[in-house]
Amino acid sequence: MLMKAGQSPPFTAEDLELSKKLVPGIQIMRIMVVSSNYFRDPIIDEIPALQMRVDINSNVNVFVSAERQAWSMITLSIKGVPISPGPEEKIAFSIETQVEIRYDAKAVEIPAEDLPRALNAFCHFNSPLHTWSFFRQHIHDAMSRMLLPPIDLPIYPAYEQGVPIPSSKRPRPKKA
């Protein structure tokens, strides 16, 4: 049986302490991209130098099974907005990706009644970090398929919203 793991942040201090007890025994079973949506506006071809402000957002949903396993569905999205003095913000491209990560907590010694709270807090803090490299690779592949130059995403997802992430120095691919 699969059940939604409960509350979203903010978590109590007790929830956070319970989640720390998972660290020694929890294992990642699998990580995979389950869906992705792309958008590329033709306006992007009119921008002489692709200087974008990139906004990255995440949303985490956690499910816990009776077998002491957790599934975390993370939706990571990125949108590129040309940096220009215009009053209207126009989205030049966007990519929304849903990534699933499955954890096994069988080796963790936490009482069954506390496990959903612990897994929920653990997944909200750790799932985006554990799936980040998959997201980065997927974004680089998608940018190439949309004939856009790659963007330099940070190795670790510690970013500030709205801070410009520079495009690569490599030129934009030529249209076929």
C-alpha atoms as a PDB file:
ATOM      1  CA  MET A   1       0.000   0.000   0.000  1.00  0.00           C
ATOM      2  CA  LEU A   2       1.250   3.449  -0.925  1.00  0.00           C
ATOM      3  CA  MET A   3       0.304   6.540   1.057  1.00  0.00           C
ATOM      4  CA  LYS A   4       1.085  10.234   0.794  1.00  0.00           C
ATOM      5  CA  ALA A   5       3.657  11.023   3.470  1.00  0.00           C
ATOM      6  CA  GLY A   6       1.952  14.021   4.984  1.00  0.00           C
ATOM      7  CA  GLN A   7       2.939  17.604   5.460  1.00  0.00           C
ATOM      8  CA  SER A   8       5.080  19.814   3.331  1.00  0.00           C
ATOM      9  CA  PRO A   9       7.626  22.191   4.825  1.00  0.00           C
ATOM     10  CA  PRO A  10       7.980  23.752   7.345  1.00  0.00           C
ATOM     11  CA  PHE A  11       8.919  20.755   9.426  1.00  0.00           C
ATOM     12  CA  THR A  12       9.159  20.543  13.201  1.00  0.00           C
ATOM     13  CA  ALA A  13      12.500  20.150  14.944  1.00  0.00           C
ATOM     14  CA  GLU A  14      11.424  16.605  15.839  1.00  0.00           C
ATOM     15  CA  ASP A  15      10.779  15.779  12.161  1.00  0.00           C
ATOM     16  CA  LEU A  16      14.257  17.017  11.253  1.00  0.00           C
ATOM     17  CA  GLU A  17      15.892  14.994  14.033  1.00  0.00           C
ATOM     18  CA  LEU A  18      14.006  11.878  12.878  1.00  0.00           C
ATOM     19  CA  SER A  19      15.153  12.468   9.298  1.00  0.00           C
ATOM     20  CA  LYS A  20      18.800  12.612  10.434  1.00  0.00           C
ATOM     21  CA  LYS A  21      18.410   9.120  11.921  1.00  0.00           C
ATOM     22  CA  LEU A  22      17.682   7.805   8.412  1.00  0.00           C
ATOM     23  CA  VAL A  23      21.072   8.804   7.012  1.00  0.00           C
ATOM     24  CA  PRO A  24      23.157   5.791   8.146  1.00  0.00           C
ATOM     25  CA  GLY A  25      20.746   3.139   6.836  1.00  0.00           C
ATOM     26  CA  ILE A  26      18.737   4.576   3.950  1.00  0.00           C
ATOM     27  CA  GLN A  27      19.656   3.505   0.418  1.00  0.00           C
ATOM     28  CA  ILE A  28      18.805   4.933  -2.970  1.00  0.00           C
ATOM     29  CA  MET A  29      17.185   2.183  -5.034  1.00  0.00           C
ATOM     30  CA  ARG A  30      16.753   4.090  -8.308  1.00  0.00           C
ATOM     31  CA  ILE A  31      16.549   7.503  -9.911  1.00  0.00           C
ATOM     32  CA  MET A  32      14.886   8.109 -13.268  1.00  0.00           C
ATOM     33  CA  VAL A  33      13.381  10.869 -15.372  1.00  0.00           C
ATOM     34  CA  VAL A  34       9.698   9.993 -15.780  1.00  0.00           C
ATOM     35  CA  SER A  35       8.462  12.942 -17.855  1.00  0.00           C
ATOM     36  CA  SER A  36       9.593  16.174 -19.408  1.00  0.00           C
ATOM     37  CA  ASN A  37       7.965  19.105 -21.218  1.00  0.00           C
ATOM     38  CA  TYR A  38       9.796  21.593 -23.424  1.00  0.00           C
ATOM     39  CA  PHE A  39       8.901  25.025 -24.739  1.00  0.00           C
ATOM     40  CA  ARG A  40      10.995  27.117 -27.140  1.00  0.00           C
ATOM     41  CA  ASP A  41       9.699  30.471 -28.338  1.00  0.00           C
ATOM     42  CA  PRO A  42      10.827  31.579 -31.832  1.00  0.00           C
ATOM     43  CA  ILE A  43      11.720  34.948 -30.265  1.00  0.00           C
ATOM     44  CA  ILE A  44      14.911  33.282 -29.087  1.00  0.00           C
ATOM     45  CA  ASP A  45      16.237  33.382 -32.664  1.00  0.00           C
ATOM     46  CA  GLU A  46      15.995  37.204 -32.609  1.00  0.00           C
ATOM     47  CA  ILE A  47      18.190  37.602 -29.532  1.00  0.00           C
ATOM     48  CA  PRO A  48      21.720  38.435 -30.771  1.00  0.00           C
ATOM     49  CA  ALA A  49      23.521  37.281 -27.645  1.00  0.00           C
ATOM     50  CA  LEU A  50      21.789  34.659 -25.589  1.00  0.00           C
ATOM     51  CA  GLN A  51      22.072  36.205 -22.135  1.00  0.00           C
ATOM     52  CA  MET A  52      19.353  34.717 -19.971  1.00  0.00           C
ATOM     53  CA  ARG A  53      18.096  34.922 -16.459  1.00  0.00           C
ATOM     54  CA  VAL A  54      17.316  31.361 -15.479  1.00  0.00           C
ATOM     55  CA  ASP A  55      14.810  30.594 -12.735  1.00  0.00           C
ATOM     56  CA  ILE A  56      14.878  27.111 -11.204  1.00  0.00           C
ATOM     57  CA  ASN A  57      12.015  25.777  -9.104  1.00  0.00           C
ATOM     58  CA  SER A  58      11.339  22.454  -7.440  1.00  0.00           C
ATOM     59  CA  ASN A  59       8.312  20.706  -6.000  1.00  0.00           C
ATOM     60  CA  VAL A  60       8.609  17.468  -3.990  1.00  0.00           C
ATOM     61  CA  ASN A  61       5.863  14.899  -3.364  1.00  0.00           C
ATOM     62  CA  VAL A  62       6.634  11.945  -1.091  1.00  0.00           C
ATOM     63  CA  PHE A  63       4.893   8.573  -0.836  1.00  0.00           C
ATOM     64  CA  VAL A  64       5.689   5.862   1.730  1.00  0.00           C
ATOM     65  CA  SER A  65       4.916   2.132   1.458  1.00  0.00           C
ATOM     66  CA  ALA A  66       4.322  -0.421   4.207  1.00  0.00           C
ATOM     67  CA  GLU A  67       7.582  -2.106   3.094  1.00  0.00           C
ATOM     68  CA  ARG A  68       9.580   0.844   4.522  1.00  0.00           C
ATOM     69  CA  GLN A  69      10.232   2.359   1.100  1.00  0.00           C
ATOM     70  CA  ALA A  70       9.676   5.918  -0.074  1.00  0.00           C
ATOM     71  CA  TRP A  71       9.043   7.307  -3.552  1.00  0.00           C
ATOM     72  CA  SER A  72       9.774  10.927  -4.080  1.00  0.00           C
ATOM     73  CA  MET A  73       8.526  12.664  -7.212  1.00  0.00           C
ATOM     74  CA  ILE A  74      10.455  15.860  -7.822  1.00  0.00           C
ATOM     75  CA  THR A  75       9.360  18.358 -10.424  1.00  0.00           C
ATOM     76  CA  LEU A  76      12.241  20.593 -11.428  1.00  0.00           C
ATOM     77  CA  SER A  77      11.608  23.382 -13.861  1.00  0.00           C
ATOM     78  CA  ILE A  78      13.819  25.905 -15.535  1.00  0.00           C
ATOM     79  CA  LYS A  79      12.854  28.908 -17.629  1.00  0.00           C
ATOM     80  CA  GLY A  80      14.972  31.306 -19.602  1.00  0.00           C
ATOM     81  CA  VAL A  81      14.017  34.953 -19.764  1.00  0.00           C
ATOM     82  CA  PRO A  82      16.053  37.358 -21.906  1.00  0.00           C
ATOM     83  CA  ILE A  83      17.763  40.035 -19.874  1.00  0.00           C
ATOM     84  CA  SER A  84      16.430  43.194 -21.432  1.00  0.00           C
ATOM     85  CA  PRO A  85      15.187  46.563 -20.222  1.00  0.00           C
ATOM     86  CA  GLY A  86      11.673  45.880 -21.555  1.00  0.00           C
ATOM     87  CA  PRO A  87       8.689  46.093 -19.173  1.00  0.00           C
ATOM     88  CA  GLU A  88       7.222  42.762 -20.306  1.00  0.00           C
ATOM     89  CA  GLU A  89       8.909  39.541 -19.265  1.00  0.00           C
ATOM     90  CA  LYS A  90       8.827  37.049 -22.120  1.00  0.00           C
ATOM     91  CA  ILE A  91       9.750  33.401 -21.544  1.00  0.00           C
ATOM     92  CA  ALA A  92      12.171  32.322 -24.272  1.00  0.00           C
ATOM     93  CA  PHE A  93      12.372  28.680 -23.254  1.00  0.00           C
ATOM     94  CA  SER A  94      11.238  26.418 -20.458  1.00  0.00           C
ATOM     95  CA  ILE A  95      11.842  22.829 -19.461  1.00  0.00           C
ATOM     96  CA  GLU A  96       9.856  21.025 -16.787  1.00  0.00           C
ATOM     97  CA  THR A  97      11.128  17.633 -15.732  1.00  0.00           C
ATOM     98  CA  GLN A  98       9.684  15.118 -13.309  1.00  0.00           C
ATOM     99  CA  VAL A  99      12.218  12.828 -11.655  1.00  0.00           C
ATOM    100  CA  GLU A 100      11.420   9.840  -9.438  1.00  0.00           C
ATOM    101  CA  ILE A 101      13.743   8.681  -6.705  1.00  0.00           C
ATOM    102  CA  ARG A 102      13.064   5.575  -4.656  1.00  0.00           C
ATOM    103  CA  TYR A 103      14.568   5.021  -1.208  1.00  0.00           C
ATOM    104  CA  ASP A 104      14.766   1.830   0.859  1.00  0.00           C
ATOM    105  CA  ALA A 105      14.619   2.352   4.632  1.00  0.00           C
ATOM    106  CA  LYS A 106      14.444  -1.301   5.733  1.00  0.00           C
ATOM    107  CA  ALA A 107      17.796  -1.075   7.532  1.00  0.00           C
ATOM    108  CA  VAL A 108      16.741   2.007   9.507  1.00  0.00           C
ATOM    109  CA  GLU A 109      15.763   1.558  13.129  1.00  0.00           C
ATOM    110  CA  ILE A 110      12.941   4.051  13.475  1.00  0.00           C
ATOM    111  CA  PRO A 111       9.532   3.036  14.830  1.00  0.00           C
ATOM    112  CA  ALA A 112       6.947   2.429  12.100  1.00  0.00           C
ATOM    113  CA  GLU A 113       4.695   5.225  13.374  1.00  0.00           C
ATOM    114  CA  ASP A 114       7.519   7.794  13.019  1.00  0.00           C
ATOM    115  CA  LEU A 115       8.827   6.569   9.666  1.00  0.00           C
ATOM    116  CA  PRO A 116       6.444   8.538   7.363  1.00  0.00           C
ATOM    117  CA  ARG A 117       7.329  11.836   9.093  1.00  0.00           C
ATOM    118  CA  ALA A 118      11.044  11.056   8.981  1.00  0.00           C
ATOM    119  CA  LEU A 119      10.956  10.023   5.309  1.00  0.00           C
ATOM    120  CA  ASN A 120       8.884  13.048   4.352  1.00  0.00           C
ATOM    121  CA  ALA A 121      11.374  15.468   5.912  1.00  0.00           C
ATOM    122  CA  PHE A 122      14.365  13.499   4.567  1.00  0.00           C
ATOM    123  CA  CYS A 123      12.977  13.451   1.021  1.00  0.00           C
ATOM    124  CA  HIS A 124      12.104  17.150   0.981  1.00  0.00           C
ATOM    125  CA  PHE A 125      15.657  18.083   1.935  1.00  0.00           C
ATOM    126  CA  ASN A 126      17.618  15.391   0.103  1.00  0.00           C
ATOM    127  CA  SER A 127      15.688  14.392  -3.035  1.00  0.00           C
ATOM    128  CA  PRO A 128      16.476  17.593  -4.973  1.00  0.00           C
ATOM    129  CA  LEU A 129      20.166  17.140  -4.150  1.00  0.00           C
ATOM    130  CA  HIS A 130      20.169  13.426  -5.059  1.00  0.00           C
ATOM    131  CA  THR A 131      18.436  14.043  -8.408  1.00  0.00           C
ATOM    132  CA  TRP A 132      20.272  17.242  -9.361  1.00  0.00           C
ATOM    133  CA  SER A 133      22.920  15.596 -11.577  1.00  0.00           C
ATOM    134  CA  PHE A 134      20.168  13.797 -13.554  1.00  0.00           C
ATOM    135  CA  PHE A 135      18.342  17.100 -13.984  1.00  0.00           C
ATOM    136  CA  ARG A 136      21.522  18.895 -15.116  1.00  0.00           C
ATOM    137  CA  GLN A 137      22.255  16.226 -17.728  1.00  0.00           C
ATOM    138  CA  HIS A 138      18.662  16.270 -18.939  1.00  0.00           C
ATOM    139  CA  ILE A 139      18.742  20.082 -19.264  1.00  0.00           C
ATOM    140  CA  HIS A 140      21.959  19.956 -21.294  1.00  0.00           C
ATOM    141  CA  ASP A 141      20.450  17.336 -23.626  1.00  0.00           C
ATOM    142  CA  ALA A 142      17.210  19.314 -23.999  1.00  0.00           C
ATOM    143  CA  MET A 143      19.035  22.582 -24.719  1.00  0.00           C
ATOM    144  CA  SER A 144      20.971  20.850 -27.492  1.00  0.00           C
ATOM    145  CA  ARG A 145      17.794  19.378 -28.997  1.00  0.00           C
ATOM    146  CA  MET A 146      16.163  22.816 -28.975  1.00  0.00           C
ATOM    147  CA  LEU A 147      19.212  24.210 -30.817  1.00  0.00           C
ATOM    148  CA  LEU A 148      20.164  26.402 -27.870  1.00  0.00           C
ATOM    149  CA  PRO A 149      23.630  26.815 -26.425  1.00  0.00           C
ATOM    150  CA  PRO A 150      24.225  24.971 -23.171  1.00  0.00           C
ATOM    151  CA  ILE A 151      23.851  26.884 -19.946  1.00  0.00           C
ATOM    152  CA  ASP A 152      26.167  26.483 -17.002  1.00  0.00           C
ATOM    153  CA  LEU A 153      24.063  25.099 -14.164  1.00  0.00           C
ATOM    154  CA  PRO A 154      25.800  24.908 -10.810  1.00  0.00           C
ATOM    155  CA  ILE A 155      27.104  21.505  -9.703  1.00  0.00           C
ATOM    156  CA  TYR A 156      25.236  21.883  -6.420  1.00  0.00           C
ATOM    157  CA  PRO A 157      21.693  23.312  -6.444  1.00  0.00           C
ATOM    158  CA  ALA A 158      22.466  26.200  -4.105  1.00  0.00           C
ATOM    159  CA  TYR A 159      21.227  29.073  -6.198  1.00  0.00           C
ATOM    160  CA  GLU A 160      19.355  32.300  -5.788  1.00  0.00           C
ATOM    161  CA  GLN A 161      16.208  32.884  -7.804  1.00  0.00           C
ATOM    162  CA  GLY A 162      16.604  35.367 -10.621  1.00  0.00           C
ATOM    163  CA  VAL A 163      20.405  35.423 -10.590  1.00  0.00           C
ATOM    164  CA  PRO A 164      21.727  35.350 -14.155  1.00  0.00           C
ATOM    165  CA  ILE A 165      23.278  32.021 -15.129  1.00  0.00           C
ATOM    166  CA  PRO A 166      25.578  32.704 -18.065  1.00  0.00           C
ATOM    167  CA  SER A 167      25.240  30.914 -21.365  1.00  0.00           C
ATOM    168  CA  SER A 168      28.208  28.941 -22.517  1.00  0.00           C
ATOM    169  CA  LYS A 169      30.816  30.771 -24.584  1.00  0.00           C
ATOM    170  CA  ARG A 170      30.198  28.253 -27.365  1.00  0.00           C
ATOM    171  CA  PRO A 171      28.197  29.605 -30.305  1.00  0.00           C
ATOM    172  CA  ARG A 172      24.572  28.705 -30.849  1.00  0.00           C
ATOM    173  CA  PRO A 173      24.172  25.618 -33.094  1.00  0.00           C
ATOM    174  CA  LYS A 174      23.315  26.336 -36.721  1.00  0.00           C
ATOM    175  CA  LYS A 175      19.864  25.437 -38.009  1.00  0.00           C
ATOM    176  CA  ALA A 176      19.830  22.565 -40.473  1.00  0.00           C
END
